[in-house]
Amino acid sequence: MLVLMLSVVVLLVIGGCVCVFWAARGDAPRWARGVAKATLLGSELARSSNRNSRSQNGGDDSSSGGTD
C-alpha cells in the first residue's frame, strides 16, 4: 500500500514537472499553466520550509557530509 501511494506521488511530481516545461515553452493550454503554477508554488513552499527548519536548528547541518 505504501509503495502504491509513493508511486502516485512520484507520478504527480513528474506530471507537474512536465507541465512546468510545457508552460515554459509557451504553447501550453490553460489547465497545464495552472498545474505548472501549482507545482512551482509547492516547490517554493518546500524550499521555504526547508530554510526555516535549518535556521531554527541554528544553521548546523550535520548531515551535509562534512570532512572528518
Protein backbone atom coordinates (compact mmCIF):
# COMPACT_ATOMS: atom_id res chain seq x y z
CA MET A 1 0.00 0.00 0.00
CA LEU A 2 2.84 2.37 0.85
CA VAL A 3 4.55 1.62 -2.45
CA LEU A 4 1.33 2.44 -4.29
CA MET A 5 0.98 5.78 -2.51
CA LEU A 6 4.61 6.69 -3.17
CA SER A 7 4.20 5.73 -6.82
CA VAL A 8 1.21 8.05 -7.15
CA VAL A 9 3.17 10.90 -5.54
CA VAL A 10 6.11 10.33 -7.89
CA LEU A 11 3.79 10.30 -10.92
CA LEU A 12 2.17 13.55 -9.78
CA VAL A 13 5.57 15.19 -9.34
CA ILE A 14 6.69 14.06 -12.79
CA GLY A 15 3.43 15.30 -14.30
CA GLY A 16 3.91 18.66 -12.60
CA CYS A 17 7.43 18.96 -13.96
CA VAL A 18 6.19 18.17 -17.46
CA CYS A 19 3.55 20.88 -17.14
CA VAL A 20 6.18 23.39 -15.97
CA PHE A 21 8.31 22.57 -19.01
CA TRP A 22 5.31 22.76 -21.31
CA ALA A 23 4.20 26.11 -19.88
CA ALA A 24 7.74 27.48 -20.18
CA ARG A 25 7.66 26.74 -23.91
CA GLY A 26 4.62 28.98 -24.19
CA ASP A 27 2.20 26.70 -26.01
CA ALA A 28 0.50 25.05 -23.03
CA PRO A 29 -3.26 25.10 -22.52
CA ARG A 30 -4.75 26.92 -19.55
CA TRP A 31 -5.05 23.82 -17.35
CA ALA A 32 -1.37 22.96 -17.86
CA ARG A 33 -0.37 26.51 -16.92
CA GLY A 34 -2.46 26.14 -13.75
CA VAL A 35 -0.77 22.85 -12.88
CA ALA A 36 2.61 24.46 -13.55
CA LYS A 37 1.80 27.36 -11.21
CA ALA A 38 0.68 24.93 -8.51
CA THR A 39 3.87 22.90 -8.95
CA LEU A 40 6.08 25.98 -8.71
CA LEU A 41 4.16 27.19 -5.66
CA GLY A 42 4.60 23.80 -3.99
CA SER A 43 8.32 23.82 -4.68
CA GLU A 44 8.66 27.33 -3.23
CA LEU A 45 6.76 26.28 -0.11
CA ALA A 46 9.00 23.23 0.29
CA ARG A 47 12.13 25.35 -0.13
CA SER A 48 10.98 27.97 2.35
CA SER A 49 10.02 25.37 4.96
CA ASN A 50 13.41 23.72 4.49
CA ARG A 51 15.14 27.07 5.01
CA ASN A 52 13.04 27.80 8.11
CA SER A 53 13.80 24.42 9.67
CA ARG A 54 17.53 24.92 9.08
CA SER A 55 17.51 28.40 10.60
CA GLN A 56 15.67 27.10 13.69
CA ASN A 57 18.38 24.48 14.16
CA GLY A 58 20.99 27.21 14.40
CA GLY A 59 22.26 26.66 10.89
CA ASP A 60 24.06 23.47 11.92
CA ASP A 61 23.62 20.99 9.11
CA SER A 62 25.43 17.93 10.41
CA SER A 63 24.01 15.75 7.63
CA SER A 64 25.83 17.69 4.91
CA GLY A 65 28.66 15.17 4.81
CA GLY A 66 31.46 17.34 6.10
CA THR A 67 35.06 16.17 6.23
CA ASP A 68 36.22 14.16 9.25
